[in-house]
């Protein structure tokens, strides 16, 4: 399963994100503007990503560009997983 699909399923399954994201949303849907990823939402998502993909998310990584959408989250995770392989 792709990272995008797994992140989408996580967001849709977590009660904290309900009401902020539509049932079907595009990979470029802005999760931050929608209010889904506030400080608590980012914390929950980072926790999921670190456990699921065995990556470390540092404080310098906590920028909108990395978490704005499914597309940017997937790119960030791929970068991190490639770094750990190298």
PDB file of N, CA and C in Angstrom:
ATOM      1  N   UNK A   1       0.853  -1.182   0.000  1.00  0.00           N
ATOM      2  CA  UNK A   1       0.000   0.000   0.000  1.00  0.00           C
ATOM      3  C   UNK A   1       0.894   1.239   0.000  1.00  0.00           C
ATOM      4  N   UNK A   2       0.483   2.245  -0.753  1.00  0.00           N
ATOM      5  CA  UNK A   2       1.298   3.459  -0.852  1.00  0.00           C
ATOM      6  C   UNK A   2       1.193   4.309   0.415  1.00  0.00           C
ATOM      7  N   UNK A   3       2.191   5.143   0.580  1.00  0.00           N
ATOM      8  CA  UNK A   3       2.209   6.064   1.722  1.00  0.00           C
ATOM      9  C   UNK A   3       0.976   6.957   1.682  1.00  0.00           C
ATOM     10  N   UNK A   4       0.644   7.464   0.501  1.00  0.00           N
ATOM     11  CA  UNK A   4      -0.511   8.360   0.367  1.00  0.00           C
ATOM     12  C   UNK A   4      -1.789   7.669   0.841  1.00  0.00           C
ATOM     13  N   UNK A   5      -1.986   6.437   0.445  1.00  0.00           N
ATOM     14  CA  UNK A   5      -3.193   5.703   0.850  1.00  0.00           C
ATOM     15  C   UNK A   5      -3.194   5.450   2.352  1.00  0.00           C
ATOM     16  N   UNK A   6      -2.051   5.075   2.904  1.00  0.00           N
ATOM     17  CA  UNK A   6      -1.977   4.806   4.344  1.00  0.00           C
ATOM     18  C   UNK A   6      -2.219   6.069   5.172  1.00  0.00           C
ATOM     19  N   UNK A   7      -1.665   7.192   4.740  1.00  0.00           N
ATOM     20  CA  UNK A   7      -1.874   8.457   5.466  1.00  0.00           C
ATOM     21  C   UNK A   7      -3.333   8.884   5.345  1.00  0.00           C
ATOM     22  N   UNK A   8      -3.895   8.749   4.159  1.00  0.00           N
ATOM     23  CA  UNK A   8      -5.304   9.088   3.957  1.00  0.00           C
ATOM     24  C   UNK A   8      -6.195   8.249   4.879  1.00  0.00           C
ATOM     25  N   UNK A   9      -5.958   6.948   4.926  1.00  0.00           N
ATOM     26  CA  UNK A   9      -6.751   6.068   5.782  1.00  0.00           C
ATOM     27  C   UNK A   9      -6.602   6.437   7.253  1.00  0.00           C
ATOM     28  N   UNK A  10      -5.382   6.787   7.652  1.00  0.00           N
ATOM     29  CA  UNK A  10      -5.164   7.211   9.035  1.00  0.00           C
ATOM     30  C   UNK A  10      -5.981   8.469   9.343  1.00  0.00           C
ATOM     31  N   UNK A  11      -5.879   9.473   8.482  1.00  0.00           N
ATOM     32  CA  UNK A  11      -6.599  10.724   8.720  1.00  0.00           C
ATOM     33  C   UNK A  11      -8.110  10.507   8.768  1.00  0.00           C
ATOM     34  N   UNK A  12      -8.610   9.659   7.888  1.00  0.00           N
ATOM     35  CA  UNK A  12     -10.050   9.407   7.843  1.00  0.00           C
ATOM     36  C   UNK A  12     -10.522   8.577   9.041  1.00  0.00           C
ATOM     37  N   UNK A  13      -9.642   7.788   9.634  1.00  0.00           N
ATOM     38  CA  UNK A  13     -10.039   6.915  10.737  1.00  0.00           C
ATOM     39  C   UNK A  13      -9.943   7.581  12.110  1.00  0.00           C
ATOM     40  N   UNK A  14      -9.176   8.648  12.215  1.00  0.00           N
ATOM     41  CA  UNK A  14      -8.979   9.317  13.501  1.00  0.00           C
ATOM     42  C   UNK A  14     -10.108  10.314  13.777  1.00  0.00           C
ATOM     43  N   UNK A  15     -10.805  10.147  14.879  1.00  0.00           N
ATOM     44  CA  UNK A  15     -11.904  11.066  15.212  1.00  0.00           C
ATOM     45  C   UNK A  15     -11.478  12.533  15.284  1.00  0.00           C
ATOM     46  N   UNK A  16     -10.242  12.801  15.654  1.00  0.00           N
ATOM     47  CA  UNK A  16      -9.775  14.189  15.790  1.00  0.00           C
ATOM     48  C   UNK A  16      -9.797  14.950  14.470  1.00  0.00           C
ATOM     49  N   UNK A  17      -9.752  14.239  13.351  1.00  0.00           N
ATOM     50  CA  UNK A  17      -9.710  14.895  12.049  1.00  0.00           C
ATOM     51  C   UNK A  17     -11.074  14.989  11.381  1.00  0.00           C
ATOM     52  N   UNK A  18     -12.059  14.304  11.924  1.00  0.00           N
ATOM     53  CA  UNK A  18     -13.400  14.321  11.335  1.00  0.00           C
ATOM     54  C   UNK A  18     -13.982  15.726  11.410  1.00  0.00           C
ATOM     55  N   UNK A  19     -14.649  16.099  10.367  1.00  0.00           N
ATOM     56  CA  UNK A  19     -15.238  17.429  10.307  1.00  0.00           C
ATOM     57  C   UNK A  19     -14.320  18.457   9.679  1.00  0.00           C
ATOM     58  N   UNK A  20     -13.036  18.125   9.585  1.00  0.00           N
ATOM     59  CA  UNK A  20     -12.071  19.048   8.979  1.00  0.00           C
ATOM     60  C   UNK A  20     -11.738  18.679   7.545  1.00  0.00           C
ATOM     61  N   UNK A  21     -11.899  17.411   7.226  1.00  0.00           N
ATOM     62  CA  UNK A  21     -11.586  16.958   5.874  1.00  0.00           C
ATOM     63  C   UNK A  21     -12.809  16.293   5.261  1.00  0.00           C
ATOM     64  N   UNK A  22     -13.030  16.512   3.973  1.00  0.00           N
ATOM     65  CA  UNK A  22     -14.168  15.861   3.319  1.00  0.00           C
ATOM     66  C   UNK A  22     -13.939  14.349   3.215  1.00  0.00           C
ATOM     67  N   UNK A  23     -15.008  13.606   3.003  1.00  0.00           N
ATOM     68  CA  UNK A  23     -14.906  12.151   2.890  1.00  0.00           C
ATOM     69  C   UNK A  23     -13.947  11.755   1.771  1.00  0.00           C
ATOM     70  N   UNK A  24     -14.041  12.420   0.655  1.00  0.00           N
ATOM     71  CA  UNK A  24     -13.120  12.183  -0.465  1.00  0.00           C
ATOM     72  C   UNK A  24     -12.384  13.483  -0.729  1.00  0.00           C
ATOM     73  N   UNK A  25     -11.084  13.459  -0.560  1.00  0.00           N
ATOM     74  CA  UNK A  25     -10.311  14.672  -0.797  1.00  0.00           C
ATOM     75  C   UNK A  25      -9.089  14.341  -1.643  1.00  0.00           C
ATOM     76  N   UNK A  26      -8.678  15.317  -2.440  1.00  0.00           N
ATOM     77  CA  UNK A  26      -7.550  15.138  -3.359  1.00  0.00           C
ATOM     78  C   UNK A  26      -6.235  15.112  -2.591  1.00  0.00           C
ATOM     79  N   UNK A  27      -5.225  14.552  -3.229  1.00  0.00           N
ATOM     80  CA  UNK A  27      -3.904  14.478  -2.604  1.00  0.00           C
ATOM     81  C   UNK A  27      -3.291  15.851  -2.355  1.00  0.00           C
ATOM     82  N   UNK A  28      -3.790  16.875  -3.036  1.00  0.00           N
ATOM     83  CA  UNK A  28      -3.262  18.220  -2.820  1.00  0.00           C
ATOM     84  C   UNK A  28      -4.192  19.091  -1.961  1.00  0.00           C
ATOM     85  N   UNK A  29      -5.214  18.477  -1.347  1.00  0.00           N
ATOM     86  CA  UNK A  29      -6.110  19.189  -0.434  1.00  0.00           C
ATOM     87  C   UNK A  29      -5.287  19.749   0.725  1.00  0.00           C
ATOM     88  N   UNK A  30      -5.450  21.038   1.023  1.00  0.00           N
ATOM     89  CA  UNK A  30      -4.643  21.690   2.050  1.00  0.00           C
ATOM     90  C   UNK A  30      -5.184  21.357   3.447  1.00  0.00           C
ATOM     91  N   UNK A  31      -4.514  20.449   4.111  1.00  0.00           N
ATOM     92  CA  UNK A  31      -4.926  19.977   5.435  1.00  0.00           C
ATOM     93  C   UNK A  31      -4.751  21.046   6.511  1.00  0.00           C
ATOM     94  N   UNK A  32      -3.788  21.924   6.309  1.00  0.00           N
ATOM     95  CA  UNK A  32      -3.534  22.982   7.293  1.00  0.00           C
ATOM     96  C   UNK A  32      -4.612  24.055   7.196  1.00  0.00           C
ATOM     97  N   UNK A  33      -4.906  24.510   5.991  1.00  0.00           N
ATOM     98  CA  UNK A  33      -5.953  25.524   5.810  1.00  0.00           C
ATOM     99  C   UNK A  33      -7.319  25.005   6.251  1.00  0.00           C
ATOM    100  N   UNK A  34      -7.535  23.708   6.076  1.00  0.00           N
ATOM    101  CA  UNK A  34      -8.813  23.109   6.472  1.00  0.00           C
ATOM    102  C   UNK A  34      -8.951  23.015   7.988  1.00  0.00           C
ATOM    103  N   UNK A  35      -7.842  23.188   8.711  1.00  0.00           N
ATOM    104  CA  UNK A  35      -7.876  23.130  10.170  1.00  0.00           C
ATOM    105  C   UNK A  35      -7.622  21.751  10.744  1.00  0.00           C
ATOM    106  N   UNK A  36      -7.402  20.757   9.881  1.00  0.00           N
ATOM    107  CA  UNK A  36      -7.165  19.395  10.363  1.00  0.00           C
ATOM    108  C   UNK A  36      -5.825  19.279  11.071  1.00  0.00           C
ATOM    109  N   UNK A  37      -4.835  19.984  10.571  1.00  0.00           N
ATOM    110  CA  UNK A  37      -3.501  19.882  11.154  1.00  0.00           C
ATOM    111  C   UNK A  37      -3.136  21.135  11.927  1.00  0.00           C
ATOM    112  N   UNK A  38      -3.732  21.241  13.097  1.00  0.00           N
ATOM    113  CA  UNK A  38      -3.313  22.260  14.048  1.00  0.00           C
ATOM    114  C   UNK A  38      -2.172  21.631  14.855  1.00  0.00           C
ATOM    115  N   UNK A  39      -1.782  22.220  15.961  1.00  0.00           N
ATOM    116  CA  UNK A  39      -0.642  21.689  16.716  1.00  0.00           C
ATOM    117  C   UNK A  39      -0.888  20.262  17.209  1.00  0.00           C
ATOM    118  N   UNK A  40      -2.082  19.974  17.657  1.00  0.00           N
ATOM    119  CA  UNK A  40      -2.389  18.620  18.127  1.00  0.00           C
ATOM    120  C   UNK A  40      -2.471  17.660  16.950  1.00  0.00           C
ATOM    121  N   UNK A  41      -3.065  18.096  15.853  1.00  0.00           N
ATOM    122  CA  UNK A  41      -3.153  17.262  14.664  1.00  0.00           C
ATOM    123  C   UNK A  41      -1.787  16.910  14.105  1.00  0.00           C
ATOM    124  N   UNK A  42      -0.881  17.885  14.085  1.00  0.00           N
ATOM    125  CA  UNK A  42       0.494  17.631  13.629  1.00  0.00           C
ATOM    126  C   UNK A  42       1.157  16.618  14.561  1.00  0.00           C
ATOM    127  N   UNK A  43       0.996  16.801  15.859  1.00  0.00           N
ATOM    128  CA  UNK A  43       1.587  15.867  16.832  1.00  0.00           C
ATOM    129  C   UNK A  43       1.088  14.447  16.587  1.00  0.00           C
ATOM    130  N   UNK A  44      -0.214  14.300  16.388  1.00  0.00           N
ATOM    131  CA  UNK A  44      -0.785  12.969  16.156  1.00  0.00           C
ATOM    132  C   UNK A  44      -0.256  12.365  14.857  1.00  0.00           C
ATOM    133  N   UNK A  45      -0.201  13.174  13.806  1.00  0.00           N
ATOM    134  CA  UNK A  45       0.275  12.683  12.522  1.00  0.00           C
ATOM    135  C   UNK A  45       1.755  12.305  12.594  1.00  0.00           C
ATOM    136  N   UNK A  46       2.561  13.131  13.225  1.00  0.00           N
ATOM    137  CA  UNK A  46       3.992  12.836  13.364  1.00  0.00           C
ATOM    138  C   UNK A  46       4.185  11.534  14.140  1.00  0.00           C
ATOM    139  N   UNK A  47       3.433  11.354  15.194  1.00  0.00           N
ATOM    140  CA  UNK A  47       3.511  10.117  15.972  1.00  0.00           C
ATOM    141  C   UNK A  47       3.199   8.907  15.080  1.00  0.00           C
ATOM    142  N   UNK A  48       2.143   9.003  14.288  1.00  0.00           N
ATOM    143  CA  UNK A  48       1.779   7.941  13.354  1.00  0.00           C
ATOM    144  C   UNK A  48       2.907   7.675  12.360  1.00  0.00           C
ATOM    145  N   UNK A  49       3.432   8.731  11.745  1.00  0.00           N
ATOM    146  CA  UNK A  49       4.476   8.581  10.734  1.00  0.00           C
ATOM    147  C   UNK A  49       5.741   7.961  11.311  1.00  0.00           C
ATOM    148  N   UNK A  50       6.144   8.411  12.495  1.00  0.00           N
ATOM    149  CA  UNK A  50       7.355   7.872  13.115  1.00  0.00           C
ATOM    150  C   UNK A  50       7.214   6.385  13.421  1.00  0.00           C
ATOM    151  N   UNK A  51       6.059   5.994  13.924  1.00  0.00           N
ATOM    152  CA  UNK A  51       5.840   4.581  14.240  1.00  0.00           C
ATOM    153  C   UNK A  51       5.682   3.736  12.983  1.00  0.00           C
ATOM    154  N   UNK A  52       4.874   4.198  12.056  1.00  0.00           N
ATOM    155  CA  UNK A  52       4.550   3.436  10.852  1.00  0.00           C
ATOM    156  C   UNK A  52       5.761   3.254   9.938  1.00  0.00           C
ATOM    157  N   UNK A  53       6.538   4.301   9.759  1.00  0.00           N
ATOM    158  CA  UNK A  53       7.632   4.275   8.784  1.00  0.00           C
ATOM    159  C   UNK A  53       9.015   4.259   9.438  1.00  0.00           C
ATOM    160  N   UNK A  54       9.051   4.210  10.745  1.00  0.00           N
ATOM    161  CA  UNK A  54      10.303   4.158  11.511  1.00  0.00           C
ATOM    162  C   UNK A  54      11.260   5.272  11.086  1.00  0.00           C
ATOM    163  N   UNK A  55      10.714   6.481  11.092  1.00  0.00           N
ATOM    164  CA  UNK A  55      11.497   7.667  10.770  1.00  0.00           C
ATOM    165  C   UNK A  55      11.516   8.572  11.994  1.00  0.00           C
ATOM    166  N   UNK A  56      12.394   9.549  11.964  1.00  0.00           N
ATOM    167  CA  UNK A  56      12.437  10.569  13.008  1.00  0.00           C
ATOM    168  C   UNK A  56      12.074  11.901  12.383  1.00  0.00           C
ATOM    169  N   UNK A  57      11.160  12.598  13.014  1.00  0.00           N
ATOM    170  CA  UNK A  57      10.752  13.922  12.558  1.00  0.00           C
ATOM    171  C   UNK A  57      11.301  14.924  13.564  1.00  0.00           C
ATOM    172  N   UNK A  58      12.232  15.748  13.126  1.00  0.00           N
ATOM    173  CA  UNK A  58      12.841  16.747  13.994  1.00  0.00           C
ATOM    174  C   UNK A  58      12.053  18.040  14.020  1.00  0.00           C
ATOM    175  N   UNK A  59      12.383  18.899  14.942  1.00  0.00           N
ATOM    176  CA  UNK A  59      11.674  20.172  15.042  1.00  0.00           C
ATOM    177  C   UNK A  59      11.846  21.019  13.786  1.00  0.00           C
ATOM    178  N   UNK A  60      12.988  20.906  13.120  1.00  0.00           N
ATOM    179  CA  UNK A  60      13.213  21.658  11.869  1.00  0.00           C
ATOM    180  C   UNK A  60      12.337  21.150  10.739  1.00  0.00           C
ATOM    181  N   UNK A  61      11.813  19.939  10.883  1.00  0.00           N
ATOM    182  CA  UNK A  61      10.944  19.357   9.860  1.00  0.00           C
ATOM    183  C   UNK A  61       9.497  19.827   9.976  1.00  0.00           C
ATOM    184  N   UNK A  62       9.148  20.425  11.092  1.00  0.00           N
ATOM    185  CA  UNK A  62       7.760  20.799  11.366  1.00  0.00           C
ATOM    186  C   UNK A  62       7.399  22.127  10.693  1.00  0.00           C
ATOM    187  N   UNK A  63       7.379  22.071   9.375  1.00  0.00           N
ATOM    188  CA  UNK A  63       7.030  23.245   8.582  1.00  0.00           C
ATOM    189  C   UNK A  63       5.849  22.887   7.680  1.00  0.00           C
ATOM    190  N   UNK A  64       5.074  23.896   7.323  1.00  0.00           N
ATOM    191  CA  UNK A  64       3.892  23.682   6.479  1.00  0.00           C
ATOM    192  C   UNK A  64       4.220  22.921   5.202  1.00  0.00           C
ATOM    193  N   UNK A  65       5.361  23.208   4.619  1.00  0.00           N
ATOM    194  CA  UNK A  65       5.718  22.585   3.343  1.00  0.00           C
ATOM    195  C   UNK A  65       5.762  21.060   3.432  1.00  0.00           C
ATOM    196  N   UNK A  66       6.047  20.504   4.593  1.00  0.00           N
ATOM    197  CA  UNK A  66       6.120  19.046   4.754  1.00  0.00           C
ATOM    198  C   UNK A  66       4.780  18.403   5.075  1.00  0.00           C
ATOM    199  N   UNK A  67       3.823  19.176   5.570  1.00  0.00           N
ATOM    200  CA  UNK A  67       2.580  18.595   6.080  1.00  0.00           C
ATOM    201  C   UNK A  67       1.318  19.215   5.489  1.00  0.00           C
ATOM    202  N   UNK A  68       1.474  19.998   4.459  1.00  0.00           N
ATOM    203  CA  UNK A  68       0.349  20.724   3.872  1.00  0.00           C
ATOM    204  C   UNK A  68      -0.710  19.805   3.274  1.00  0.00           C
ATOM    205  N   UNK A  69      -0.283  18.705   2.669  1.00  0.00           N
ATOM    206  CA  UNK A  69      -1.222  17.831   1.952  1.00  0.00           C
ATOM    207  C   UNK A  69      -0.712  16.392   1.976  1.00  0.00           C
ATOM    208  N   UNK A  70      -1.540  15.495   1.514  1.00  0.00           N
ATOM    209  CA  UNK A  70      -1.126  14.099   1.386  1.00  0.00           C
ATOM    210  C   UNK A  70       0.123  14.014   0.509  1.00  0.00           C
ATOM    211  N   UNK A  71       0.121  14.782  -0.565  1.00  0.00           N
ATOM    212  CA  UNK A  71       1.239  14.772  -1.512  1.00  0.00           C
ATOM    213  C   UNK A  71       2.546  15.197  -0.841  1.00  0.00           C
ATOM    214  N   UNK A  72       2.519  16.272  -0.054  1.00  0.00           N
ATOM    215  CA  UNK A  72       3.745  16.748   0.595  1.00  0.00           C
ATOM    216  C   UNK A  72       4.163  15.829   1.741  1.00  0.00           C
ATOM    217  N   UNK A  73       3.197  15.240   2.427  1.00  0.00           N
ATOM    218  CA  UNK A  73       3.518  14.284   3.497  1.00  0.00           C
ATOM    219  C   UNK A  73       4.208  13.063   2.900  1.00  0.00           C
ATOM    220  N   UNK A  74       3.664  12.559   1.797  1.00  0.00           N
ATOM    221  CA  UNK A  74       4.270  11.400   1.139  1.00  0.00           C
ATOM    222  C   UNK A  74       5.701  11.709   0.703  1.00  0.00           C
ATOM    223  N   UNK A  75       5.918  12.864   0.101  1.00  0.00           N
ATOM    224  CA  UNK A  75       7.264  13.254  -0.340  1.00  0.00           C
ATOM    225  C   UNK A  75       8.218  13.334   0.854  1.00  0.00           C
ATOM    226  N   UNK A  76       7.754  13.905   1.952  1.00  0.00           N
ATOM    227  CA  UNK A  76       8.579  14.014   3.150  1.00  0.00           C
ATOM    228  C   UNK A  76       8.956  12.629   3.680  1.00  0.00           C
ATOM    229  N   UNK A  77       7.987  11.736   3.780  1.00  0.00           N
ATOM    230  CA  UNK A  77       8.253  10.383   4.286  1.00  0.00           C
ATOM    231  C   UNK A  77       9.216   9.652   3.359  1.00  0.00           C
ATOM    232  N   UNK A  78       9.033   9.772   2.063  1.00  0.00           N
ATOM    233  CA  UNK A  78       9.939   9.120   1.113  1.00  0.00           C
ATOM    234  C   UNK A  78      11.366   9.636   1.271  1.00  0.00           C
ATOM    235  N   UNK A  79      11.514  10.933   1.485  1.00  0.00           N
ATOM    236  CA  UNK A  79      12.834  11.508   1.716  1.00  0.00           C
ATOM    237  C   UNK A  79      13.460  10.917   2.966  1.00  0.00           C
ATOM    238  N   UNK A  80      12.689  10.844   4.033  1.00  0.00           N
ATOM    239  CA  UNK A  80      13.192  10.307   5.306  1.00  0.00           C
ATOM    240  C   UNK A  80      13.532   8.817   5.209  1.00  0.00           C
ATOM    241  N   UNK A  81      12.677   8.043   4.561  1.00  0.00           N
ATOM    242  CA  UNK A  81      12.950   6.603   4.458  1.00  0.00           C
ATOM    243  C   UNK A  81      14.151   6.348   3.556  1.00  0.00           C
ATOM    244  N   UNK A  82      14.326   7.145   2.520  1.00  0.00           N
ATOM    245  CA  UNK A  82      15.498   7.012   1.655  1.00  0.00           C
ATOM    246  C   UNK A  82      16.776   7.380   2.397  1.00  0.00           C
ATOM    247  N   UNK A  83      16.712   8.371   3.281  1.00  0.00           N
ATOM    248  CA  UNK A  83      17.872   8.767   4.083  1.00  0.00           C
ATOM    249  C   UNK A  83      18.287   7.640   5.016  1.00  0.00           C
ATOM    250  N   UNK A  84      17.311   6.944   5.586  1.00  0.00           N
ATOM    251  CA  UNK A  84      17.650   5.875   6.526  1.00  0.00           C
ATOM    252  C   UNK A  84      18.200   4.645   5.804  1.00  0.00           C
ATOM    253  N   UNK A  85      17.902   4.515   4.501  1.00  0.00           N
ATOM    254  CA  UNK A  85      18.434   3.395   3.732  1.00  0.00           C
ATOM    255  C   UNK A  85      19.864   3.660   3.263  1.00  0.00           C
ATOM    256  N   UNK A  86      20.167   4.952   3.096  1.00  0.00           N
ATOM    257  CA  UNK A  86      21.455   5.333   2.545  1.00  0.00           C
ATOM    258  C   UNK A  86      22.516   5.336   3.559  1.00  0.00           C
TER     259      UNK A  86
END
